[in-house]
């Protein structure tokens, strides 16, 4: 979802309309979030 627009599915067509920075965000933001959420299942003293 971009500012001022409605939510859309991330298709290949949509991805290739993104700028270089937006493409990076589309790849790294979900990955970082998924890793963090997975690490939440570990103890407080576990390395992340």
ModelCIF file with pLDDT and N, C-alpha, C, O atoms, coordinates in Angstrom:
data_MODEL
#
_entry.id   MODEL 
#
_entity.id                         1 
_entity.type                       polymer 
_entity.pdbx_number_of_molecules   1 
#
_entity_poly.entity_id                      1 
_entity_poly.type                           'polypeptide(L)' 
_entity_poly.nstd_linkage                   no 
_entity_poly.nstd_monomer                   no 
_entity_poly.pdbx_seq_one_letter_code       
;(UNK)(UNK)(UNK)(UNK)(UNK)(UNK)(UNK)(UNK)(UNK)(UNK)(UNK)(UNK)(UNK)(UNK)(UNK)(UNK)
(UNK)(UNK)(UNK)(UNK)(UNK)(UNK)(UNK)(UNK)(UNK)(UNK)(UNK)(UNK)(UNK)(UNK)(UNK)(UNK)
(UNK)(UNK)(UNK)(UNK)(UNK)(UNK)(UNK)(UNK)(UNK)(UNK)(UNK)(UNK)(UNK)(UNK)(UNK)(UNK)
;
_entity_poly.pdbx_seq_one_letter_code_can   XXXXXXXXXXXXXXXXXXXXXXXXXXXXXXXXXXXXXXXXXXXXXXXX 
_entity_poly.pdbx_strand_id                 A 
#
loop_
_entity_poly_seq.entity_id 
_entity_poly_seq.num 
_entity_poly_seq.mon_id 
_entity_poly_seq.hetero 
1 1  UNK n 
1 2  UNK n 
1 3  UNK n 
1 4  UNK n 
1 5  UNK n 
1 6  UNK n 
1 7  UNK n 
1 8  UNK n 
1 9  UNK n 
1 10 UNK n 
1 11 UNK n 
1 12 UNK n 
1 13 UNK n 
1 14 UNK n 
1 15 UNK n 
1 16 UNK n 
1 17 UNK n 
1 18 UNK n 
1 19 UNK n 
1 20 UNK n 
1 21 UNK n 
1 22 UNK n 
1 23 UNK n 
1 24 UNK n 
1 25 UNK n 
1 26 UNK n 
1 27 UNK n 
1 28 UNK n 
1 29 UNK n 
1 30 UNK n 
1 31 UNK n 
1 32 UNK n 
1 33 UNK n 
1 34 UNK n 
1 35 UNK n 
1 36 UNK n 
1 37 UNK n 
1 38 UNK n 
1 39 UNK n 
1 40 UNK n 
1 41 UNK n 
1 42 UNK n 
1 43 UNK n 
1 44 UNK n 
1 45 UNK n 
1 46 UNK n 
1 47 UNK n 
1 48 UNK n 
#
_struct_asym.id          A 
_struct_asym.entity_id   1 
#
loop_
_ma_qa_metric.id 
_ma_qa_metric.mode 
_ma_qa_metric.name 
_ma_qa_metric.software_group_id 
_ma_qa_metric.type 
1 global pLDDT . pLDDT 
2 local  pLDDT . pLDDT 
#
_ma_qa_metric_global.metric_id      1 
_ma_qa_metric_global.metric_value   85.94 
_ma_qa_metric_global.model_id       1 
_ma_qa_metric_global.ordinal_id     1 
#
loop_
_ma_qa_metric_local.label_asym_id 
_ma_qa_metric_local.label_comp_id 
_ma_qa_metric_local.label_seq_id 
_ma_qa_metric_local.metric_id 
_ma_qa_metric_local.metric_value 
_ma_qa_metric_local.model_id 
_ma_qa_metric_local.ordinal_id 
A UNK 1  2 88.00 1 1  
A UNK 2  2 85.00 1 2  
A UNK 3  2 81.00 1 3  
A UNK 4  2 83.00 1 4  
A UNK 5  2 86.00 1 5  
A UNK 6  2 90.00 1 6  
A UNK 7  2 89.00 1 7  
A UNK 8  2 92.00 1 8  
A UNK 9  2 91.00 1 9  
A UNK 10 2 91.00 1 10 
A UNK 11 2 91.00 1 11 
A UNK 12 2 91.00 1 12 
A UNK 13 2 92.00 1 13 
A UNK 14 2 90.00 1 14 
A UNK 15 2 90.00 1 15 
A UNK 16 2 90.00 1 16 
A UNK 17 2 89.00 1 17 
A UNK 18 2 87.00 1 18 
A UNK 19 2 81.00 1 19 
A UNK 20 2 78.00 1 20 
A UNK 21 2 78.00 1 21 
A UNK 22 2 82.00 1 22 
A UNK 23 2 84.00 1 23 
A UNK 24 2 82.00 1 24 
A UNK 25 2 82.00 1 25 
A UNK 26 2 86.00 1 26 
A UNK 27 2 86.00 1 27 
A UNK 28 2 86.00 1 28 
A UNK 29 2 85.00 1 29 
A UNK 30 2 87.00 1 30 
A UNK 31 2 87.00 1 31 
A UNK 32 2 87.00 1 32 
A UNK 33 2 85.00 1 33 
A UNK 34 2 86.00 1 34 
A UNK 35 2 88.00 1 35 
A UNK 36 2 85.00 1 36 
A UNK 37 2 82.00 1 37 
A UNK 38 2 83.00 1 38 
A UNK 39 2 86.00 1 39 
A UNK 40 2 81.00 1 40 
A UNK 41 2 78.00 1 41 
A UNK 42 2 83.00 1 42 
A UNK 43 2 84.00 1 43 
A UNK 44 2 83.00 1 44 
A UNK 45 2 87.00 1 45 
A UNK 46 2 88.00 1 46 
A UNK 47 2 89.00 1 47 
A UNK 48 2 90.00 1 48 
#
loop_
_atom_site.group_PDB 
_atom_site.id 
_atom_site.type_symbol 
_atom_site.label_atom_id 
_atom_site.label_alt_id 
_atom_site.label_comp_id 
_atom_site.label_asym_id 
_atom_site.label_entity_id 
_atom_site.label_seq_id 
_atom_site.pdbx_PDB_ins_code 
_atom_site.Cartn_x 
_atom_site.Cartn_y 
_atom_site.Cartn_z 
_atom_site.occupancy 
_atom_site.B_iso_or_equiv 
_atom_site.pdbx_formal_charge 
_atom_site.auth_seq_id 
_atom_site.auth_comp_id 
_atom_site.auth_asym_id 
_atom_site.auth_atom_id 
_atom_site.pdbx_PDB_model_num 
ATOM 1   N N  . UNK A 1 1  ? 0.858  -1.194  0.000   1.00 88.00 ? 1  UNK A N  1 
ATOM 2   C CA . UNK A 1 1  ? 0.000  0.000   0.000   1.00 88.00 ? 1  UNK A CA 1 
ATOM 3   C C  . UNK A 1 1  ? 0.886  1.233   0.000   1.00 88.00 ? 1  UNK A C  1 
ATOM 4   O O  . UNK A 1 1  ? 1.675  1.449   0.920   1.00 88.00 ? 1  UNK A O  1 
ATOM 5   N N  . UNK A 1 2  ? 0.746  2.033   -1.038  1.00 85.00 ? 2  UNK A N  1 
ATOM 6   C CA . UNK A 1 2  ? 1.463  3.295   -1.109  1.00 85.00 ? 2  UNK A CA 1 
ATOM 7   C C  . UNK A 1 2  ? 0.574  4.412   -0.570  1.00 85.00 ? 2  UNK A C  1 
ATOM 8   O O  . UNK A 1 2  ? -0.649 4.279   -0.529  1.00 85.00 ? 2  UNK A O  1 
ATOM 9   N N  . UNK A 1 3  ? 1.191  5.494   -0.165  1.00 81.00 ? 3  UNK A N  1 
ATOM 10  C CA . UNK A 1 3  ? 0.433  6.614   0.398   1.00 81.00 ? 3  UNK A CA 1 
ATOM 11  C C  . UNK A 1 3  ? -0.625 7.093   -0.586  1.00 81.00 ? 3  UNK A C  1 
ATOM 12  O O  . UNK A 1 3  ? -0.327 7.359   -1.750  1.00 81.00 ? 3  UNK A O  1 
ATOM 13  N N  . UNK A 1 4  ? -1.874 7.202   -0.108  1.00 83.00 ? 4  UNK A N  1 
ATOM 14  C CA . UNK A 1 4  ? -2.950 7.702   -0.936  1.00 83.00 ? 4  UNK A CA 1 
ATOM 15  C C  . UNK A 1 4  ? -3.567 6.697   -1.883  1.00 83.00 ? 4  UNK A C  1 
ATOM 16  O O  . UNK A 1 4  ? -4.405 7.059   -2.709  1.00 83.00 ? 4  UNK A O  1 
ATOM 17  N N  . UNK A 1 5  ? -3.165 5.429   -1.778  1.00 86.00 ? 5  UNK A N  1 
ATOM 18  C CA . UNK A 1 5  ? -3.723 4.389   -2.652  1.00 86.00 ? 5  UNK A CA 1 
ATOM 19  C C  . UNK A 1 5  ? -4.289 3.255   -1.800  1.00 86.00 ? 5  UNK A C  1 
ATOM 20  O O  . UNK A 1 5  ? -4.022 3.173   -0.601  1.00 86.00 ? 5  UNK A O  1 
ATOM 21  N N  . UNK A 1 6  ? -5.067 2.390   -2.428  1.00 90.00 ? 6  UNK A N  1 
ATOM 22  C CA . UNK A 1 6  ? -5.625 1.232   -1.730  1.00 90.00 ? 6  UNK A CA 1 
ATOM 23  C C  . UNK A 1 6  ? -4.634 0.067   -1.751  1.00 90.00 ? 6  UNK A C  1 
ATOM 24  O O  . UNK A 1 6  ? -3.670 0.080   -2.517  1.00 90.00 ? 6  UNK A O  1 
ATOM 25  N N  . UNK A 1 7  ? -4.870 -0.921  -0.924  1.00 89.00 ? 7  UNK A N  1 
ATOM 26  C CA . UNK A 1 7  ? -3.993 -2.076  -0.849  1.00 89.00 ? 7  UNK A CA 1 
ATOM 27  C C  . UNK A 1 7  ? -4.097 -2.919  -2.113  1.00 89.00 ? 7  UNK A C  1 
ATOM 28  O O  . UNK A 1 7  ? -5.194 -3.154  -2.619  1.00 89.00 ? 7  UNK A O  1 
ATOM 29  N N  . UNK A 1 8  ? -2.945 -3.377  -2.627  1.00 92.00 ? 8  UNK A N  1 
ATOM 30  C CA . UNK A 1 8  ? -2.908 -4.204  -3.831  1.00 92.00 ? 8  UNK A CA 1 
ATOM 31  C C  . UNK A 1 8  ? -2.000 -5.411  -3.600  1.00 92.00 ? 8  UNK A C  1 
ATOM 32  O O  . UNK A 1 8  ? -1.075 -5.370  -2.790  1.00 92.00 ? 8  UNK A O  1 
ATOM 33  N N  . UNK A 1 9  ? -2.291 -6.481  -4.333  1.00 91.00 ? 9  UNK A N  1 
ATOM 34  C CA . UNK A 1 9  ? -1.458 -7.680  -4.222  1.00 91.00 ? 9  UNK A CA 1 
ATOM 35  C C  . UNK A 1 9  ? -0.135 -7.448  -4.942  1.00 91.00 ? 9  UNK A C  1 
ATOM 36  O O  . UNK A 1 9  ? -0.079 -6.809  -5.993  1.00 91.00 ? 9  UNK A O  1 
ATOM 37  N N  . UNK A 1 10 ? 0.935  -7.989  -4.345  1.00 91.00 ? 10 UNK A N  1 
ATOM 38  C CA . UNK A 1 10 ? 2.258  -7.868  -4.944  1.00 91.00 ? 10 UNK A CA 1 
ATOM 39  C C  . UNK A 1 10 ? 2.425  -8.944  -6.018  1.00 91.00 ? 10 UNK A C  1 
ATOM 40  O O  . UNK A 1 10 ? 2.826  -10.070 -5.723  1.00 91.00 ? 10 UNK A O  1 
ATOM 41  N N  . UNK A 1 11 ? 2.122  -8.596  -7.232  1.00 91.00 ? 11 UNK A N  1 
ATOM 42  C CA . UNK A 1 11 ? 2.315  -9.495  -8.364  1.00 91.00 ? 11 UNK A CA 1 
ATOM 43  C C  . UNK A 1 11 ? 3.650  -9.168  -9.033  1.00 91.00 ? 11 UNK A C  1 
ATOM 44  O O  . UNK A 1 11 ? 4.277  -8.156  -8.718  1.00 91.00 ? 11 UNK A O  1 
ATOM 45  N N  . UNK A 1 12 ? 4.081  -10.029 -9.956  1.00 91.00 ? 12 UNK A N  1 
ATOM 46  C CA . UNK A 1 12 ? 5.307  -9.740  -10.693 1.00 91.00 ? 12 UNK A CA 1 
ATOM 47  C C  . UNK A 1 12 ? 5.189  -8.430  -11.465 1.00 91.00 ? 12 UNK A C  1 
ATOM 48  O O  . UNK A 1 12 ? 6.135  -7.646  -11.532 1.00 91.00 ? 12 UNK A O  1 
ATOM 49  N N  . UNK A 1 13 ? 4.005  -8.207  -12.047 1.00 92.00 ? 13 UNK A N  1 
ATOM 50  C CA . UNK A 1 13 ? 3.784  -6.978  -12.808 1.00 92.00 ? 13 UNK A CA 1 
ATOM 51  C C  . UNK A 1 13 ? 3.932  -5.750  -11.917 1.00 92.00 ? 13 UNK A C  1 
ATOM 52  O O  . UNK A 1 13 ? 4.584  -4.776  -12.294 1.00 92.00 ? 13 UNK A O  1 
ATOM 53  N N  . UNK A 1 14 ? 3.323  -5.800  -10.733 1.00 90.00 ? 14 UNK A N  1 
ATOM 54  C CA . UNK A 1 14 ? 3.423  -4.667  -9.807  1.00 90.00 ? 14 UNK A CA 1 
ATOM 55  C C  . UNK A 1 14 ? 4.855  -4.466  -9.337  1.00 90.00 ? 14 UNK A C  1 
ATOM 56  O O  . UNK A 1 14 ? 5.331  -3.335  -9.241  1.00 90.00 ? 14 UNK A O  1 
ATOM 57  N N  . UNK A 1 15 ? 5.546  -5.574  -9.041  1.00 90.00 ? 15 UNK A N  1 
ATOM 58  C CA . UNK A 1 15 ? 6.925  -5.490  -8.536  1.00 90.00 ? 15 UNK A CA 1 
ATOM 59  C C  . UNK A 1 15 ? 7.831  -4.777  -9.534  1.00 90.00 ? 15 UNK A C  1 
ATOM 60  O O  . UNK A 1 15 ? 8.663  -3.961  -9.140  1.00 90.00 ? 15 UNK A O  1 
ATOM 61  N N  . UNK A 1 16 ? 7.676  -5.078  -10.817 1.00 90.00 ? 16 UNK A N  1 
ATOM 62  C CA . UNK A 1 16 ? 8.580  -4.507  -11.822 1.00 90.00 ? 16 UNK A CA 1 
ATOM 63  C C  . UNK A 1 16 ? 8.235  -3.069  -12.188 1.00 90.00 ? 16 UNK A C  1 
ATOM 64  O O  . UNK A 1 16 ? 8.932  -2.449  -12.991 1.00 90.00 ? 16 UNK A O  1 
ATOM 65  N N  . UNK A 1 17 ? 7.164  -2.533  -11.603 1.00 89.00 ? 17 UNK A N  1 
ATOM 66  C CA . UNK A 1 17 ? 6.890  -1.100  -11.769 1.00 89.00 ? 17 UNK A CA 1 
ATOM 67  C C  . UNK A 1 17 ? 7.538  -0.282  -10.654 1.00 89.00 ? 17 UNK A C  1 
ATOM 68  O O  . UNK A 1 17 ? 7.554  0.948   -10.714 1.00 89.00 ? 17 UNK A O  1 
ATOM 69  N N  . UNK A 1 18 ? 8.072  -0.962  -9.633  1.00 87.00 ? 18 UNK A N  1 
ATOM 70  C CA . UNK A 1 18 ? 8.671  -0.283  -8.493  1.00 87.00 ? 18 UNK A CA 1 
ATOM 71  C C  . UNK A 1 18 ? 10.028 0.307   -8.863  1.00 87.00 ? 18 UNK A C  1 
ATOM 72  O O  . UNK A 1 18 ? 10.697 -0.146  -9.791  1.00 87.00 ? 18 UNK A O  1 
ATOM 73  N N  . UNK A 1 19 ? 10.406 1.325   -8.111  1.00 81.00 ? 19 UNK A N  1 
ATOM 74  C CA . UNK A 1 19 ? 11.765 1.859   -8.220  1.00 81.00 ? 19 UNK A CA 1 
ATOM 75  C C  . UNK A 1 19 ? 12.723 0.870   -7.552  1.00 81.00 ? 19 UNK A C  1 
ATOM 76  O O  . UNK A 1 19 ? 12.289 -0.079  -6.898  1.00 81.00 ? 19 UNK A O  1 
ATOM 77  N N  . UNK A 1 20 ? 14.014 1.097   -7.719  1.00 78.00 ? 20 UNK A N  1 
ATOM 78  C CA . UNK A 1 20 ? 15.000 0.206   -7.109  1.00 78.00 ? 20 UNK A CA 1 
ATOM 79  C C  . UNK A 1 20 ? 14.846 0.129   -5.601  1.00 78.00 ? 20 UNK A C  1 
ATOM 80  O O  . UNK A 1 20 ? 14.951 -0.947  -5.011  1.00 78.00 ? 20 UNK A O  1 
ATOM 81  N N  . UNK A 1 21 ? 14.597 1.281   -4.977  1.00 78.00 ? 21 UNK A N  1 
ATOM 82  C CA . UNK A 1 21 ? 14.432 1.306   -3.522  1.00 78.00 ? 21 UNK A CA 1 
ATOM 83  C C  . UNK A 1 21 ? 13.182 0.582   -3.078  1.00 78.00 ? 21 UNK A C  1 
ATOM 84  O O  . UNK A 1 21 ? 13.192 -0.118  -2.066  1.00 78.00 ? 21 UNK A O  1 
ATOM 85  N N  . UNK A 1 22 ? 12.094 0.745   -3.833  1.00 82.00 ? 22 UNK A N  1 
ATOM 86  C CA . UNK A 1 22 ? 10.843 0.072   -3.478  1.00 82.00 ? 22 UNK A CA 1 
ATOM 87  C C  . UNK A 1 22 ? 10.970 -1.442  -3.640  1.00 82.00 ? 22 UNK A C  1 
ATOM 88  O O  . UNK A 1 22 ? 10.411 -2.202  -2.850  1.00 82.00 ? 22 UNK A O  1 
ATOM 89  N N  . UNK A 1 23 ? 11.700 -1.876  -4.657  1.00 84.00 ? 23 UNK A N  1 
ATOM 90  C CA . UNK A 1 23 ? 11.932 -3.311  -4.844  1.00 84.00 ? 23 UNK A CA 1 
ATOM 91  C C  . UNK A 1 23 ? 12.701 -3.880  -3.655  1.00 84.00 ? 23 UNK A C  1 
ATOM 92  O O  . UNK A 1 23 ? 12.411 -4.976  -3.175  1.00 84.00 ? 23 UNK A O  1 
ATOM 93  N N  . UNK A 1 24 ? 13.683 -3.117  -3.194  1.00 82.00 ? 24 UNK A N  1 
ATOM 94  C CA . UNK A 1 24 ? 14.461 -3.573  -2.037  1.00 82.00 ? 24 UNK A CA 1 
ATOM 95  C C  . UNK A 1 24 ? 13.582 -3.693  -0.805  1.00 82.00 ? 24 UNK A C  1 
ATOM 96  O O  . UNK A 1 24 ? 13.691 -4.655  -0.045  1.00 82.00 ? 24 UNK A O  1 
ATOM 97  N N  . UNK A 1 25 ? 12.710 -2.713  -0.610  1.00 82.00 ? 25 UNK A N  1 
ATOM 98  C CA . UNK A 1 25 ? 11.807 -2.752  0.531   1.00 82.00 ? 25 UNK A CA 1 
ATOM 99  C C  . UNK A 1 25 ? 10.886 -3.966  0.441   1.00 82.00 ? 25 UNK A C  1 
ATOM 100 O O  . UNK A 1 25 ? 10.611 -4.623  1.445   1.00 82.00 ? 25 UNK A O  1 
ATOM 101 N N  . UNK A 1 26 ? 10.409 -4.260  -0.777  1.00 86.00 ? 26 UNK A N  1 
ATOM 102 C CA . UNK A 1 26 ? 9.492  -5.384  -0.972  1.00 86.00 ? 26 UNK A CA 1 
ATOM 103 C C  . UNK A 1 26 ? 10.157 -6.713  -0.666  1.00 86.00 ? 26 UNK A C  1 
ATOM 104 O O  . UNK A 1 26 ? 9.482  -7.673  -0.294  1.00 86.00 ? 26 UNK A O  1 
ATOM 105 N N  . UNK A 1 27 ? 11.473 -6.782  -0.817  1.00 86.00 ? 27 UNK A N  1 
ATOM 106 C CA . UNK A 1 27 ? 12.187 -8.031  -0.527  1.00 86.00 ? 27 UNK A CA 1 
ATOM 107 C C  . UNK A 1 27 ? 12.633 -8.113  0.926   1.00 86.00 ? 27 UNK A C  1 
ATOM 108 O O  . UNK A 1 27 ? 12.457 -9.143  1.578   1.00 86.00 ? 27 UNK A O  1 
ATOM 109 N N  . UNK A 1 28 ? 13.209 -7.030  1.432   1.00 86.00 ? 28 UNK A N  1 
ATOM 110 C CA . UNK A 1 28 ? 13.840 -7.093  2.746   1.00 86.00 ? 28 UNK A CA 1 
ATOM 111 C C  . UNK A 1 28 ? 12.868 -6.915  3.912   1.00 86.00 ? 28 UNK A C  1 
ATOM 112 O O  . UNK A 1 28 ? 13.035 -7.559  4.948   1.00 86.00 ? 28 UNK A O  1 
ATOM 113 N N  . UNK A 1 29 ? 11.859 -6.056  3.765   1.00 85.00 ? 29 UNK A N  1 
ATOM 114 C CA . UNK A 1 29 ? 10.931 -5.819  4.880   1.00 85.00 ? 29 UNK A CA 1 
ATOM 115 C C  . UNK A 1 29 ? 10.221 -7.109  5.307   1.00 85.00 ? 29 UNK A C  1 
ATOM 116 O O  . UNK A 1 29 ? 10.207 -7.416  6.499   1.00 85.00 ? 29 UNK A O  1 
ATOM 117 N N  . UNK A 1 30 ? 9.626  -7.883  4.369   1.00 87.00 ? 30 UNK A N  1 
ATOM 118 C CA . UNK A 1 30 ? 9.008  -9.143  4.799   1.00 87.00 ? 30 UNK A CA 1 
ATOM 119 C C  . UNK A 1 30 ? 10.009 -10.122 5.402   1.00 87.00 ? 30 UNK A C  1 
ATOM 120 O O  . UNK A 1 30 ? 9.691  -10.820 6.365   1.00 87.00 ? 30 UNK A O  1 
ATOM 121 N N  . UNK A 1 31 ? 11.224 -10.177 4.839   1.00 87.00 ? 31 UNK A N  1 
ATOM 122 C CA . UNK A 1 31 ? 12.228 -11.110 5.359   1.00 87.00 ? 31 UNK A CA 1 
ATOM 123 C C  . UNK A 1 31 ? 12.656 -10.741 6.774   1.00 87.00 ? 31 UNK A C  1 
ATOM 124 O O  . UNK A 1 31 ? 12.692 -11.600 7.656   1.00 87.00 ? 31 UNK A O  1 
ATOM 125 N N  . UNK A 1 32 ? 12.979 -9.471  6.994   1.00 87.00 ? 32 UNK A N  1 
ATOM 126 C CA . UNK A 1 32 ? 13.380 -9.034  8.329   1.00 87.00 ? 32 UNK A CA 1 
ATOM 127 C C  . UNK A 1 32 ? 12.258 -9.259  9.341   1.00 87.00 ? 32 UNK A C  1 
ATOM 128 O O  . UNK A 1 32 ? 12.502 -9.697  10.465  1.00 87.00 ? 32 UNK A O  1 
ATOM 129 N N  . UNK A 1 33 ? 11.030 -8.955  8.931   1.00 85.00 ? 33 UNK A N  1 
ATOM 130 C CA . UNK A 1 33 ? 9.890  -9.117  9.837   1.00 85.00 ? 33 UNK A CA 1 
ATOM 131 C C  . UNK A 1 33 ? 9.672  -10.582 10.179  1.00 85.00 ? 33 UNK A C  1 
ATOM 132 O O  . UNK A 1 33 ? 9.394  -10.921 11.329  1.00 85.00 ? 33 UNK A O  1 
ATOM 133 N N  . UNK A 1 34 ? 9.798  -11.456 9.177   1.00 86.00 ? 34 UNK A N  1 
ATOM 134 C CA . UNK A 1 34 ? 9.603  -12.888 9.411   1.00 86.00 ? 34 UNK A CA 1 
ATOM 135 C C  . UNK A 1 34 ? 10.666 -13.447 10.344  1.00 86.00 ? 34 UNK A C  1 
ATOM 136 O O  . UNK A 1 34 ? 10.363 -14.243 11.233  1.00 86.00 ? 34 UNK A O  1 
ATOM 137 N N  . UNK A 1 35 ? 11.913 -13.029 10.141  1.00 88.00 ? 35 UNK A N  1 
ATOM 138 C CA . UNK A 1 35 ? 13.005 -13.492 11.014  1.00 88.00 ? 35 UNK A CA 1 
ATOM 139 C C  . UNK A 1 35 ? 12.778 -13.017 12.441  1.00 88.00 ? 35 UNK A C  1 
ATOM 140 O O  . UNK A 1 35 ? 12.925 -13.785 13.391  1.00 88.00 ? 35 UNK A O  1 
ATOM 141 N N  . UNK A 1 36 ? 12.419 -11.747 12.583  1.00 85.00 ? 36 UNK A N  1 
ATOM 142 C CA . UNK A 1 36 ? 12.185 -11.199 13.923  1.00 85.00 ? 36 UNK A CA 1 
ATOM 143 C C  . UNK A 1 36 ? 11.044 -11.939 14.623  1.00 85.00 ? 36 UNK A C  1 
ATOM 144 O O  . UNK A 1 36 ? 11.158 -12.305 15.792  1.00 85.00 ? 36 UNK A O  1 
ATOM 145 N N  . UNK A 1 37 ? 9.940  -12.155 13.894  1.00 82.00 ? 37 UNK A N  1 
ATOM 146 C CA . UNK A 1 37 ? 8.802  -12.852 14.489  1.00 82.00 ? 37 UNK A CA 1 
ATOM 147 C C  . UNK A 1 37 ? 9.182  -14.266 14.905  1.00 82.00 ? 37 UNK A C  1 
ATOM 148 O O  . UNK A 1 37 ? 8.710  -14.765 15.926  1.00 82.00 ? 37 UNK A O  1 
ATOM 149 N N  . UNK A 1 38 ? 10.038 -14.913 14.113  1.00 83.00 ? 38 UNK A N  1 
ATOM 150 C CA . UNK A 1 38 ? 10.494 -16.262 14.456  1.00 83.00 ? 38 UNK A CA 1 
ATOM 151 C C  . UNK A 1 38 ? 11.358 -16.228 15.705  1.00 83.00 ? 38 UNK A C  1 
ATOM 152 O O  . UNK A 1 38 ? 11.223 -17.082 16.581  1.00 83.00 ? 38 UNK A O  1 
ATOM 153 N N  . UNK A 1 39 ? 12.244 -15.242 15.789  1.00 86.00 ? 39 UNK A N  1 
ATOM 154 C CA . UNK A 1 39 ? 13.123 -15.131 16.957  1.00 86.00 ? 39 UNK A CA 1 
ATOM 155 C C  . UNK A 1 39 ? 12.356 -14.814 18.236  1.00 86.00 ? 39 UNK A C  1 
ATOM 156 O O  . UNK A 1 39 ? 12.853 -15.057 19.335  1.00 86.00 ? 39 UNK A O  1 
ATOM 157 N N  . UNK A 1 40 ? 11.150 -14.274 18.095  1.00 81.00 ? 40 UNK A N  1 
ATOM 158 C CA . UNK A 1 40 ? 10.349 -13.964 19.276  1.00 81.00 ? 40 UNK A CA 1 
ATOM 159 C C  . UNK A 1 40 ? 10.017 -15.229 20.075  1.00 81.00 ? 40 UNK A C  1 
ATOM 160 O O  . UNK A 1 40 ? 9.693  -15.156 21.261  1.00 81.00 ? 40 UNK A O  1 
ATOM 161 N N  . UNK A 1 41 ? 10.103 -16.379 19.417  1.00 78.00 ? 41 UNK A N  1 
ATOM 162 C CA . UNK A 1 41 ? 9.835  -17.628 20.117  1.00 78.00 ? 41 UNK A CA 1 
ATOM 163 C C  . UNK A 1 41 ? 10.991 -18.088 20.979  1.00 78.00 ? 41 UNK A C  1 
ATOM 164 O O  . UNK A 1 41 ? 10.845 -19.049 21.735  1.00 78.00 ? 41 UNK A O  1 
ATOM 165 N N  . UNK A 1 42 ? 12.132 -17.431 20.888  1.00 83.00 ? 42 UNK A N  1 
ATOM 166 C CA . UNK A 1 42 ? 13.299 -17.795 21.698  1.00 83.00 ? 42 UNK A CA 1 
ATOM 167 C C  . UNK A 1 42 ? 13.305 -17.078 23.034  1.00 83.00 ? 42 UNK A C  1 
ATOM 168 O O  . UNK A 1 42 ? 12.468 -16.213 23.292  1.00 83.00 ? 42 UNK A O  1 
ATOM 169 N N  . UNK A 1 43 ? 14.241 -17.438 23.869  1.00 84.00 ? 43 UNK A N  1 
ATOM 170 C CA . UNK A 1 43 ? 14.369 -16.804 25.177  1.00 84.00 ? 43 UNK A CA 1 
ATOM 171 C C  . UNK A 1 43 ? 14.907 -15.389 25.065  1.00 84.00 ? 43 UNK A C  1 
ATOM 172 O O  . UNK A 1 43 ? 15.417 -14.982 24.021  1.00 84.00 ? 43 UNK A O  1 
ATOM 173 N N  . UNK A 1 44 ? 14.786 -14.648 26.153  1.00 83.00 ? 44 UNK A N  1 
ATOM 174 C CA . UNK A 1 44 ? 15.215 -13.243 26.148  1.00 83.00 ? 44 UNK A CA 1 
ATOM 175 C C  . UNK A 1 44 ? 16.715 -13.106 25.917  1.00 83.00 ? 44 UNK A C  1 
ATOM 176 O O  . UNK A 1 44 ? 17.174 -12.090 25.395  1.00 83.00 ? 44 UNK A O  1 
ATOM 177 N N  . UNK A 1 45 ? 17.492 -14.140 26.309  1.00 87.00 ? 45 UNK A N  1 
ATOM 178 C CA . UNK A 1 45 ? 18.946 -14.070 26.174  1.00 87.00 ? 45 UNK A CA 1 
ATOM 179 C C  . UNK A 1 45 ? 19.456 -14.767 24.918  1.00 87.00 ? 45 UNK A C  1 
ATOM 180 O O  . UNK A 1 45 ? 20.665 -14.927 24.755  1.00 87.00 ? 45 UNK A O  1 
ATOM 181 N N  . UNK A 1 46 ? 18.558 -15.184 24.030  1.00 88.00 ? 46 UNK A N  1 
ATOM 182 C CA . UNK A 1 46 ? 18.982 -15.867 22.801  1.00 88.00 ? 46 UNK A CA 1 
ATOM 183 C C  . UNK A 1 46 ? 19.504 -14.850 21.782  1.00 88.00 ? 46 UNK A C  1 
ATOM 184 O O  . UNK A 1 46 ? 18.933 -13.769 21.637  1.00 88.00 ? 46 UNK A O  1 
ATOM 185 N N  . UNK A 1 47 ? 20.584 -15.191 21.078  1.00 89.00 ? 47 UNK A N  1 
ATOM 186 C CA . UNK A 1 47 ? 21.081 -14.273 20.038  1.00 89.00 ? 47 UNK A CA 1 
ATOM 187 C C  . UNK A 1 47 ? 20.108 -14.174 18.877  1.00 89.00 ? 47 UNK A C  1 
ATOM 188 O O  . UNK A 1 47 ? 19.417 -15.139 18.550  1.00 89.00 ? 47 UNK A O  1 
ATOM 189 N N  . UNK A 1 48 ? 20.058 -13.001 18.255  1.00 90.00 ? 48 UNK A N  1 
ATOM 190 C CA . UNK A 1 48 ? 19.191 -12.781 17.094  1.00 90.00 ? 48 UNK A CA 1 
ATOM 191 C C  . UNK A 1 48 ? 20.078 -12.270 15.963  1.00 90.00 ? 48 UNK A C  1 
ATOM 192 O O  . UNK A 1 48 ? 19.587 -12.006 14.866  1.00 90.00 ? 48 UNK A O  1 
#
